[in-house]
Amino acid sequence: MNNLNEIISQNVIRLRKEKNFSFDKLAESSGVSKALLCQIERGDSNPTINTLWKIAVGLGVALGDLLETHEYPLEIVRKKSKTPLIDNEAGLRLWPVFSNSFSPVGIFIAELDSMHTHDSTPHDAYSNEYVFVIEGALIVTINGRSSHLSQGDTLFFRADQPHHYYNPASTTTHFQCIYHRK
């Protein structure tokens, strides 16, 4: 989408619907006529800067919200491009594929060597964790309660308590952890 009028049109439509505004309500709150708003939403108008400011104020948004494309980004992260966190004593290698403070979700790829245990400290209050075993076997223990997982199994638990991963298999276990903080 590279036509500015089309971008503005789609943003006004989206924001008006998100705010639950009718044309009449937006016309009243912005001081822009209903007829001009309809033209803008159809992409038939080349609105002035002042008109855009009025619409932004009427919607209670920043001017830039009317001008930005809202295409969802795509990001490929290759495991080999990430440096793993290594705990040799526990036999654990952990790749933080997606993990930053901007998202409540963190995705990690993990490898746990045969007959090794990794003790994890509690995470943020009310956080959750999903563990998916890609290959091998894994025993996850939370508050003395153990869950035995095999290839293809998934476990969900509250991660704000100590939890332990143990690989009872004779080979390295490959698994994925998806962490969600509230």
N, C-alpha and C. Protein backbone atom coordinates (compact mmCIF):
# COMPACT_ATOMS: atom_id res chain seq x y z
N MET A 1 0.85 -1.17 0.00
CA MET A 1 0.00 0.00 0.00
C MET A 1 0.90 1.23 0.00
N ASN A 2 0.90 1.97 -1.12
CA ASN A 2 1.78 3.13 -1.18
C ASN A 2 1.03 4.41 -1.53
N ASN A 3 -0.26 4.35 -1.79
CA ASN A 3 -1.05 5.53 -2.07
C ASN A 3 -1.47 6.15 -0.74
N LEU A 4 -1.03 7.38 -0.48
CA LEU A 4 -1.30 8.02 0.81
C LEU A 4 -2.80 8.15 1.08
N ASN A 5 -3.59 8.48 0.05
CA ASN A 5 -5.04 8.61 0.27
C ASN A 5 -5.66 7.28 0.67
N GLU A 6 -5.15 6.18 0.11
CA GLU A 6 -5.64 4.85 0.48
C GLU A 6 -5.27 4.51 1.92
N ILE A 7 -4.05 4.87 2.30
CA ILE A 7 -3.59 4.64 3.69
C ILE A 7 -4.46 5.42 4.66
N ILE A 8 -4.68 6.70 4.34
CA ILE A 8 -5.50 7.55 5.21
C ILE A 8 -6.93 6.98 5.28
N SER A 9 -7.47 6.58 4.14
CA SER A 9 -8.81 6.01 4.09
C SER A 9 -8.93 4.80 5.01
N GLN A 10 -8.01 3.87 4.87
CA GLN A 10 -8.08 2.65 5.69
C GLN A 10 -7.89 2.95 7.17
N ASN A 11 -7.03 3.90 7.50
CA ASN A 11 -6.82 4.25 8.90
C ASN A 11 -8.03 4.95 9.51
N VAL A 12 -8.66 5.84 8.76
CA VAL A 12 -9.85 6.52 9.29
C VAL A 12 -10.96 5.50 9.50
N ILE A 13 -11.15 4.60 8.54
CA ILE A 13 -12.17 3.55 8.70
C ILE A 13 -11.87 2.71 9.93
N ARG A 14 -10.63 2.24 10.04
CA ARG A 14 -10.25 1.36 11.16
C ARG A 14 -10.42 2.07 12.49
N LEU A 15 -9.90 3.30 12.59
CA LEU A 15 -9.95 4.02 13.86
C LEU A 15 -11.38 4.41 14.23
N ARG A 16 -12.16 4.79 13.25
CA ARG A 16 -13.55 5.15 13.52
C ARG A 16 -14.30 3.93 14.08
N LYS A 17 -14.05 2.77 13.48
CA LYS A 17 -14.72 1.54 13.96
C LYS A 17 -14.20 1.13 15.33
N GLU A 18 -12.87 1.25 15.54
CA GLU A 18 -12.30 0.91 16.85
C GLU A 18 -12.90 1.78 17.95
N LYS A 19 -13.12 3.06 17.63
CA LYS A 19 -13.67 4.01 18.62
C LYS A 19 -15.20 3.92 18.69
N ASN A 20 -15.79 3.10 17.80
CA ASN A 20 -17.24 2.96 17.76
C ASN A 20 -17.93 4.28 17.43
N PHE A 21 -17.33 5.03 16.49
CA PHE A 21 -17.86 6.32 16.07
C PHE A 21 -18.69 6.14 14.79
N SER A 22 -19.85 6.73 14.76
CA SER A 22 -20.60 6.84 13.51
C SER A 22 -20.01 8.01 12.73
N PHE A 23 -20.45 8.17 11.47
CA PHE A 23 -20.01 9.34 10.71
C PHE A 23 -20.45 10.62 11.41
N ASP A 24 -21.69 10.61 11.92
CA ASP A 24 -22.21 11.79 12.61
C ASP A 24 -21.37 12.15 13.83
N LYS A 25 -21.02 11.13 14.61
CA LYS A 25 -20.24 11.39 15.83
C LYS A 25 -18.85 11.92 15.48
N LEU A 26 -18.20 11.33 14.46
CA LEU A 26 -16.88 11.82 14.06
C LEU A 26 -16.97 13.22 13.47
N ALA A 27 -18.02 13.48 12.70
CA ALA A 27 -18.20 14.83 12.14
C ALA A 27 -18.35 15.84 13.27
N GLU A 28 -19.12 15.49 14.27
CA GLU A 28 -19.33 16.40 15.41
C GLU A 28 -18.04 16.61 16.21
N SER A 29 -17.31 15.53 16.49
CA SER A 29 -16.11 15.66 17.33
C SER A 29 -14.94 16.28 16.59
N SER A 30 -14.93 16.20 15.26
CA SER A 30 -13.79 16.73 14.50
C SER A 30 -14.06 18.07 13.85
N GLY A 31 -15.33 18.38 13.60
CA GLY A 31 -15.65 19.61 12.87
C GLY A 31 -15.47 19.44 11.37
N VAL A 32 -15.30 18.21 10.91
CA VAL A 32 -15.19 17.90 9.48
C VAL A 32 -16.55 17.37 9.04
N SER A 33 -17.04 17.86 7.90
CA SER A 33 -18.38 17.47 7.46
C SER A 33 -18.47 15.97 7.19
N LYS A 34 -19.67 15.47 7.37
CA LYS A 34 -19.93 14.05 7.13
C LYS A 34 -19.63 13.71 5.67
N ALA A 35 -19.99 14.60 4.76
CA ALA A 35 -19.75 14.37 3.33
C ALA A 35 -18.25 14.22 3.04
N LEU A 36 -17.43 15.10 3.64
CA LEU A 36 -15.98 15.03 3.43
C LEU A 36 -15.42 13.77 4.07
N LEU A 37 -15.90 13.39 5.24
CA LEU A 37 -15.45 12.15 5.88
C LEU A 37 -15.74 10.94 4.99
N CYS A 38 -16.93 10.92 4.39
CA CYS A 38 -17.28 9.81 3.48
C CYS A 38 -16.32 9.79 2.28
N GLN A 39 -16.01 10.95 1.72
CA GLN A 39 -15.08 11.02 0.59
C GLN A 39 -13.69 10.51 1.00
N ILE A 40 -13.25 10.89 2.19
CA ILE A 40 -11.93 10.46 2.69
C ILE A 40 -11.91 8.95 2.87
N GLU A 41 -12.98 8.40 3.44
CA GLU A 41 -13.01 6.95 3.65
C GLU A 41 -13.08 6.18 2.33
N ARG A 42 -13.68 6.77 1.31
CA ARG A 42 -13.71 6.12 -0.01
C ARG A 42 -12.37 6.30 -0.74
N GLY A 43 -11.53 7.20 -0.25
CA GLY A 43 -10.26 7.48 -0.92
C GLY A 43 -10.43 8.45 -2.06
N ASP A 44 -11.57 9.15 -2.10
CA ASP A 44 -11.88 10.08 -3.18
C ASP A 44 -11.44 11.50 -2.89
N SER A 45 -10.84 11.73 -1.74
CA SER A 45 -10.46 13.09 -1.36
C SER A 45 -8.98 13.14 -1.01
N ASN A 46 -8.39 14.28 -1.30
CA ASN A 46 -7.00 14.53 -0.93
C ASN A 46 -7.05 15.54 0.23
N PRO A 47 -7.24 15.04 1.48
CA PRO A 47 -7.47 15.95 2.60
C PRO A 47 -6.27 16.84 2.91
N THR A 48 -6.57 18.05 3.34
CA THR A 48 -5.50 18.97 3.74
C THR A 48 -4.93 18.55 5.09
N ILE A 49 -3.80 19.11 5.41
CA ILE A 49 -3.18 18.83 6.70
C ILE A 49 -4.12 19.25 7.83
N ASN A 50 -4.75 20.39 7.69
CA ASN A 50 -5.67 20.86 8.73
C ASN A 50 -6.85 19.90 8.91
N THR A 51 -7.36 19.37 7.81
CA THR A 51 -8.46 18.41 7.90
C THR A 51 -8.00 17.16 8.63
N LEU A 52 -6.80 16.68 8.29
CA LEU A 52 -6.26 15.49 8.97
C LEU A 52 -6.07 15.74 10.46
N TRP A 53 -5.59 16.94 10.81
CA TRP A 53 -5.43 17.28 12.22
C TRP A 53 -6.78 17.24 12.93
N LYS A 54 -7.79 17.79 12.30
CA LYS A 54 -9.13 17.81 12.91
C LYS A 54 -9.65 16.39 13.13
N ILE A 55 -9.45 15.53 12.13
CA ILE A 55 -9.90 14.14 12.26
C ILE A 55 -9.14 13.44 13.38
N ALA A 56 -7.82 13.65 13.43
CA ALA A 56 -7.01 13.02 14.49
C ALA A 56 -7.48 13.48 15.86
N VAL A 57 -7.71 14.78 16.01
CA VAL A 57 -8.18 15.31 17.29
C VAL A 57 -9.57 14.74 17.61
N GLY A 58 -10.43 14.69 16.61
CA GLY A 58 -11.78 14.16 16.81
C GLY A 58 -11.77 12.69 17.23
N LEU A 59 -10.81 11.94 16.71
CA LEU A 59 -10.69 10.52 17.08
C LEU A 59 -9.88 10.31 18.36
N GLY A 60 -9.17 11.37 18.78
CA GLY A 60 -8.32 11.25 19.97
C GLY A 60 -7.07 10.45 19.70
N VAL A 61 -6.50 10.60 18.50
CA VAL A 61 -5.28 9.88 18.14
C VAL A 61 -4.23 10.87 17.65
N ALA A 62 -3.02 10.40 17.47
CA ALA A 62 -1.97 11.23 16.92
C ALA A 62 -2.14 11.34 15.41
N LEU A 63 -1.70 12.43 14.83
CA LEU A 63 -1.77 12.62 13.39
C LEU A 63 -1.09 11.46 12.65
N GLY A 64 0.02 11.01 13.17
CA GLY A 64 0.76 9.92 12.54
C GLY A 64 -0.05 8.64 12.44
N ASP A 65 -1.03 8.45 13.34
CA ASP A 65 -1.87 7.25 13.28
C ASP A 65 -2.72 7.21 12.01
N LEU A 66 -2.95 8.36 11.40
CA LEU A 66 -3.71 8.41 10.15
C LEU A 66 -2.82 8.15 8.94
N LEU A 67 -1.51 8.28 9.11
CA LEU A 67 -0.59 8.23 7.97
C LEU A 67 0.23 6.96 7.87
N GLU A 68 0.24 6.16 8.94
CA GLU A 68 1.09 4.98 8.98
C GLU A 68 0.39 3.77 8.36
N THR A 69 1.17 2.95 7.68
CA THR A 69 0.63 1.68 7.22
C THR A 69 0.58 0.75 8.42
N HIS A 70 -0.39 -0.09 8.45
CA HIS A 70 -0.54 -1.01 9.57
C HIS A 70 -0.40 -2.45 9.09
N GLU A 71 0.60 -2.64 8.26
CA GLU A 71 0.90 -3.99 7.82
C GLU A 71 1.69 -4.67 8.92
N TYR A 72 1.35 -5.91 9.19
CA TYR A 72 2.05 -6.63 10.23
C TYR A 72 3.43 -7.05 9.73
N PRO A 73 4.44 -6.80 10.53
CA PRO A 73 5.79 -7.16 10.09
C PRO A 73 5.99 -8.67 10.11
N LEU A 74 6.87 -9.09 9.28
CA LEU A 74 7.29 -10.49 9.27
C LEU A 74 8.76 -10.50 9.64
N GLU A 75 9.12 -11.38 10.52
CA GLU A 75 10.52 -11.47 10.93
C GLU A 75 10.91 -12.94 11.01
N ILE A 76 11.93 -13.29 10.27
CA ILE A 76 12.46 -14.64 10.34
C ILE A 76 13.69 -14.60 11.23
N VAL A 77 13.73 -15.49 12.20
CA VAL A 77 14.90 -15.61 13.06
C VAL A 77 15.47 -17.01 12.84
N ARG A 78 16.69 -17.04 12.42
CA ARG A 78 17.36 -18.32 12.18
C ARG A 78 18.13 -18.71 13.44
N LYS A 79 17.93 -19.95 13.88
CA LYS A 79 18.57 -20.44 15.09
C LYS A 79 20.08 -20.21 15.04
N LYS A 80 20.68 -20.47 13.88
CA LYS A 80 22.13 -20.33 13.77
C LYS A 80 22.59 -18.88 13.90
N SER A 81 21.65 -17.92 13.77
CA SER A 81 22.03 -16.51 13.93
C SER A 81 22.02 -16.06 15.39
N LYS A 82 21.49 -16.89 16.26
CA LYS A 82 21.39 -16.56 17.68
C LYS A 82 22.51 -17.26 18.46
N THR A 83 23.02 -16.59 19.46
CA THR A 83 24.02 -17.18 20.34
C THR A 83 23.29 -17.82 21.52
N PRO A 84 23.50 -19.11 21.74
CA PRO A 84 22.78 -19.74 22.84
C PRO A 84 23.35 -19.35 24.20
N LEU A 85 22.48 -19.37 25.19
CA LEU A 85 22.90 -19.26 26.57
C LEU A 85 23.26 -20.69 26.98
N ILE A 86 24.42 -20.88 27.55
CA ILE A 86 24.90 -22.23 27.84
C ILE A 86 25.12 -22.40 29.33
N ASP A 87 24.54 -23.45 29.88
CA ASP A 87 24.77 -23.87 31.26
C ASP A 87 25.38 -25.26 31.18
N ASN A 88 26.70 -25.33 31.15
CA ASN A 88 27.39 -26.62 30.98
C ASN A 88 27.08 -27.59 32.11
N GLU A 89 26.97 -27.08 33.33
CA GLU A 89 26.69 -27.95 34.47
C GLU A 89 25.34 -28.65 34.32
N ALA A 90 24.35 -27.91 33.83
CA ALA A 90 23.01 -28.48 33.65
C ALA A 90 22.87 -29.16 32.29
N GLY A 91 23.85 -29.00 31.41
CA GLY A 91 23.75 -29.59 30.08
C GLY A 91 22.68 -28.93 29.23
N LEU A 92 22.49 -27.63 29.44
CA LEU A 92 21.42 -26.91 28.76
C LEU A 92 21.99 -25.86 27.81
N ARG A 93 21.38 -25.79 26.62
CA ARG A 93 21.64 -24.73 25.68
C ARG A 93 20.29 -24.10 25.35
N LEU A 94 20.21 -22.77 25.46
CA LEU A 94 18.95 -22.06 25.31
C LEU A 94 19.13 -20.91 24.32
N TRP A 95 18.36 -20.96 23.24
CA TRP A 95 18.39 -19.91 22.23
C TRP A 95 17.20 -18.99 22.42
N PRO A 96 17.43 -17.73 22.77
CA PRO A 96 16.32 -16.77 22.90
C PRO A 96 15.90 -16.27 21.52
N VAL A 97 14.96 -16.96 20.90
CA VAL A 97 14.54 -16.64 19.54
C VAL A 97 13.82 -15.30 19.51
N PHE A 98 12.79 -15.16 20.32
CA PHE A 98 12.09 -13.89 20.48
C PHE A 98 12.00 -13.63 21.98
N SER A 99 12.67 -12.60 22.42
CA SER A 99 12.64 -12.26 23.84
C SER A 99 13.06 -10.81 24.00
N ASN A 100 12.09 -9.95 24.28
CA ASN A 100 12.42 -8.55 24.52
C ASN A 100 11.35 -7.93 25.41
N SER A 101 11.62 -6.76 25.88
CA SER A 101 10.70 -6.11 26.82
C SER A 101 9.48 -5.51 26.12
N PHE A 102 9.48 -5.48 24.78
CA PHE A 102 8.35 -4.91 24.06
C PHE A 102 7.19 -5.89 23.91
N SER A 103 7.47 -7.16 24.13
CA SER A 103 6.43 -8.18 23.94
C SER A 103 6.26 -8.98 25.22
N PRO A 104 5.04 -9.33 25.55
CA PRO A 104 4.83 -10.17 26.74
C PRO A 104 5.17 -11.64 26.47
N VAL A 105 5.51 -11.96 25.23
CA VAL A 105 5.79 -13.34 24.86
C VAL A 105 7.27 -13.50 24.55
N GLY A 106 7.86 -14.56 25.07
CA GLY A 106 9.23 -14.93 24.75
C GLY A 106 9.23 -16.35 24.21
N ILE A 107 9.99 -16.59 23.17
CA ILE A 107 10.08 -17.93 22.59
C ILE A 107 11.53 -18.37 22.63
N PHE A 108 11.74 -19.56 23.17
CA PHE A 108 13.08 -20.10 23.35
C PHE A 108 13.15 -21.51 22.77
N ILE A 109 14.26 -21.82 22.14
CA ILE A 109 14.56 -23.18 21.71
C ILE A 109 15.58 -23.71 22.70
N ALA A 110 15.38 -24.94 23.16
CA ALA A 110 16.26 -25.49 24.19
C ALA A 110 16.71 -26.90 23.83
N GLU A 111 17.91 -27.22 24.30
CA GLU A 111 18.45 -28.58 24.21
C GLU A 111 18.96 -28.94 25.59
N LEU A 112 18.53 -30.10 26.07
CA LEU A 112 18.95 -30.58 27.39
C LEU A 112 19.59 -31.95 27.19
N ASP A 113 20.85 -32.06 27.63
CA ASP A 113 21.60 -33.30 27.45
C ASP A 113 21.00 -34.43 28.27
N SER A 114 21.30 -35.64 27.83
CA SER A 114 20.83 -36.86 28.48
C SER A 114 21.17 -36.86 29.96
N MET A 115 20.17 -37.24 30.78
CA MET A 115 20.33 -37.41 32.23
C MET A 115 20.73 -36.12 32.95
N HIS A 116 20.39 -34.98 32.40
CA HIS A 116 20.71 -33.69 33.02
C HIS A 116 19.44 -33.00 33.51
N THR A 117 19.62 -32.13 34.50
CA THR A 117 18.52 -31.37 35.08
C THR A 117 18.84 -29.89 35.01
N HIS A 118 17.84 -29.11 34.67
CA HIS A 118 17.95 -27.65 34.73
C HIS A 118 16.91 -27.15 35.72
N ASP A 119 17.37 -26.43 36.74
CA ASP A 119 16.48 -25.82 37.73
C ASP A 119 16.22 -24.38 37.32
N SER A 120 14.97 -24.05 37.15
CA SER A 120 14.59 -22.70 36.74
C SER A 120 13.98 -21.95 37.92
N THR A 121 14.43 -20.74 38.13
CA THR A 121 13.87 -19.91 39.19
C THR A 121 12.50 -19.40 38.76
N PRO A 122 11.67 -18.96 39.69
CA PRO A 122 10.36 -18.42 39.32
C PRO A 122 10.50 -17.21 38.41
N HIS A 123 9.59 -17.11 37.46
CA HIS A 123 9.55 -15.96 36.56
C HIS A 123 8.59 -14.91 37.14
N ASP A 124 8.24 -13.93 36.34
CA ASP A 124 7.35 -12.85 36.78
C ASP A 124 6.04 -13.38 37.37
N ALA A 125 5.47 -12.61 38.30
CA ALA A 125 4.19 -12.98 38.90
C ALA A 125 3.14 -13.19 37.81
N TYR A 126 2.37 -14.24 37.95
CA TYR A 126 1.28 -14.59 37.05
C TYR A 126 1.73 -14.93 35.62
N SER A 127 3.01 -15.20 35.44
CA SER A 127 3.49 -15.58 34.11
C SER A 127 3.16 -17.04 33.84
N ASN A 128 3.10 -17.37 32.58
CA ASN A 128 2.79 -18.74 32.15
C ASN A 128 3.89 -19.24 31.23
N GLU A 129 4.01 -20.55 31.16
CA GLU A 129 4.99 -21.14 30.27
C GLU A 129 4.34 -22.34 29.56
N TYR A 130 4.68 -22.46 28.29
CA TYR A 130 4.26 -23.59 27.48
C TYR A 130 5.52 -24.31 27.05
N VAL A 131 5.57 -25.61 27.24
CA VAL A 131 6.74 -26.40 26.85
C VAL A 131 6.27 -27.40 25.80
N PHE A 132 6.97 -27.44 24.67
CA PHE A 132 6.65 -28.36 23.60
C PHE A 132 7.89 -29.20 23.30
N VAL A 133 7.77 -30.51 23.45
CA VAL A 133 8.90 -31.40 23.19
C VAL A 133 8.95 -31.72 21.70
N ILE A 134 10.04 -31.32 21.09
CA ILE A 134 10.23 -31.54 19.66
C ILE A 134 10.79 -32.94 19.42
N GLU A 135 11.78 -33.31 20.25
CA GLU A 135 12.42 -34.61 20.10
C GLU A 135 12.97 -35.04 21.45
N GLY A 136 12.72 -36.29 21.82
CA GLY A 136 13.24 -36.82 23.08
C GLY A 136 12.16 -36.91 24.14
N ALA A 137 12.60 -36.84 25.39
CA ALA A 137 11.69 -36.94 26.53
C ALA A 137 12.08 -35.89 27.56
N LEU A 138 11.11 -35.51 28.37
CA LEU A 138 11.36 -34.46 29.35
C LEU A 138 10.43 -34.67 30.53
N ILE A 139 10.97 -34.50 31.73
CA ILE A 139 10.14 -34.51 32.93
C ILE A 139 10.22 -33.09 33.50
N VAL A 140 9.05 -32.46 33.62
CA VAL A 140 8.98 -31.11 34.17
C VAL A 140 8.30 -31.22 35.52
N THR A 141 8.97 -30.68 36.55
CA THR A 141 8.44 -30.76 37.91
C THR A 141 8.16 -29.35 38.43
N ILE A 142 6.93 -29.17 38.91
CA ILE A 142 6.50 -27.90 39.49
C ILE A 142 5.86 -28.22 40.83
N ASN A 143 6.37 -27.63 41.91
CA ASN A 143 5.82 -27.88 43.25
C ASN A 143 5.70 -29.37 43.57
N GLY A 144 6.70 -30.14 43.23
CA GLY A 144 6.71 -31.56 43.54
C GLY A 144 5.85 -32.41 42.63
N ARG A 145 5.18 -31.81 41.68
CA ARG A 145 4.32 -32.53 40.75
C ARG A 145 5.04 -32.67 39.42
N SER A 146 5.29 -33.91 39.00
CA SER A 146 6.05 -34.16 37.78
C SER A 146 5.14 -34.53 36.62
N SER A 147 5.49 -33.99 35.46
CA SER A 147 4.79 -34.32 34.22
C SER A 147 5.80 -34.92 33.26
N HIS A 148 5.51 -36.10 32.75
CA HIS A 148 6.38 -36.81 31.81
C HIS A 148 5.93 -36.48 30.39
N LEU A 149 6.83 -35.92 29.61
CA LEU A 149 6.51 -35.51 28.25
C LEU A 149 7.36 -36.28 27.25
N SER A 150 6.76 -36.62 26.13
CA SER A 150 7.46 -37.27 25.02
C SER A 150 7.34 -36.38 23.79
N GLN A 151 7.99 -36.80 22.73
CA GLN A 151 7.96 -36.05 21.48
C GLN A 151 6.53 -35.71 21.10
N GLY A 152 6.29 -34.43 20.81
CA GLY A 152 4.96 -33.96 20.41
C GLY A 152 4.07 -33.52 21.55
N ASP A 153 4.47 -33.76 22.80
CA ASP A 153 3.65 -33.37 23.95
C ASP A 153 3.89 -31.90 24.30
N THR A 154 2.85 -31.29 24.85
CA THR A 154 2.92 -29.90 25.28
C THR A 154 2.43 -29.81 26.72
N LEU A 155 3.07 -28.95 27.50
CA LEU A 155 2.69 -28.73 28.89
C LEU A 155 2.52 -27.23 29.11
N PHE A 156 1.48 -26.87 29.83
CA PHE A 156 1.23 -25.48 30.21
C PHE A 156 1.26 -25.41 31.73
N PHE A 157 1.91 -24.38 32.28
CA PHE A 157 1.93 -24.20 33.74
C PHE A 157 2.22 -22.76 34.10
N ARG A 158 1.87 -22.43 35.34
CA ARG A 158 2.23 -21.11 35.89
C ARG A 158 3.72 -21.11 36.15
N ALA A 159 4.42 -20.13 35.60
CA ALA A 159 5.88 -20.10 35.67
C ALA A 159 6.41 -19.20 36.79
N ASP A 160 5.53 -18.73 37.66
CA ASP A 160 5.97 -17.86 38.76
C ASP A 160 6.31 -18.67 40.01
N GLN A 161 6.73 -19.90 39.79
CA GLN A 161 7.17 -20.79 40.86
C GLN A 161 8.37 -21.58 40.34
N PRO A 162 9.19 -22.10 41.24
CA PRO A 162 10.34 -22.88 40.75
C PRO A 162 9.87 -24.07 39.92
N HIS A 163 10.62 -24.34 38.86
CA HIS A 163 10.30 -25.50 38.04
C HIS A 163 11.60 -26.13 37.54
N HIS A 164 11.53 -27.42 37.28
CA HIS A 164 12.73 -28.19 36.96
C HIS A 164 12.49 -29.01 35.70
N TYR A 165 13.51 -29.04 34.86
CA TYR A 165 13.47 -29.84 33.64
C TYR A 165 14.49 -30.96 33.79
N TYR A 166 14.08 -32.19 33.53
CA TYR A 166 14.99 -33.33 33.59
C TYR A 166 14.83 -34.15 32.32
N ASN A 167 15.96 -34.53 31.73
CA ASN A 167 15.95 -35.36 30.53
C ASN A 167 16.30 -36.80 30.93
N PRO A 168 15.30 -37.70 30.98
CA PRO A 168 15.57 -39.09 31.35
C PRO A 168 16.05 -39.94 30.17
N ALA A 169 16.05 -39.37 28.98
CA ALA A 169 16.38 -40.14 27.77
C ALA A 169 17.88 -40.31 27.62
N SER A 170 18.26 -41.24 26.75
CA SER A 170 19.68 -41.50 26.49
C SER A 170 20.24 -40.57 25.41
N THR A 171 19.38 -39.70 24.88
CA THR A 171 19.81 -38.73 23.86
C THR A 171 19.42 -37.33 24.30
N THR A 172 19.95 -36.35 23.62
CA THR A 172 19.62 -34.95 23.91
C THR A 172 18.14 -34.71 23.58
N THR A 173 17.46 -34.00 24.46
CA THR A 173 16.07 -33.63 24.22
C THR A 173 16.03 -32.21 23.66
N HIS A 174 15.23 -32.05 22.61
CA HIS A 174 15.04 -30.74 21.98
C HIS A 174 13.61 -30.30 22.30
N PHE A 175 13.49 -29.08 22.83
CA PHE A 175 12.15 -28.61 23.16
C PHE A 175 12.08 -27.10 23.00
N GLN A 176 10.86 -26.63 23.02
CA GLN A 176 10.62 -25.20 22.88
C GLN A 176 9.85 -24.72 24.09
N CYS A 177 10.23 -23.54 24.59
CA CYS A 177 9.51 -22.90 25.69
C CYS A 177 8.93 -21.60 25.18
N ILE A 178 7.66 -21.42 25.43
CA ILE A 178 7.01 -20.16 25.12
C ILE A 178 6.59 -19.58 26.45
N TYR A 179 7.11 -18.41 26.72
CA TYR A 179 6.90 -17.75 28.01
C TYR A 179 5.98 -16.56 27.79
N HIS A 180 4.98 -16.42 28.65
CA HIS A 180 4.05 -15.30 28.54
C HIS A 180 3.93 -14.61 29.89
N ARG A 181 4.33 -13.34 29.93
CA ARG A 181 4.19 -12.57 31.17
C ARG A 181 2.96 -11.70 31.06
N LYS A 182 2.31 -11.55 32.17
CA LYS A 182 1.06 -10.75 32.21
C LYS A 182 1.38 -9.28 32.26
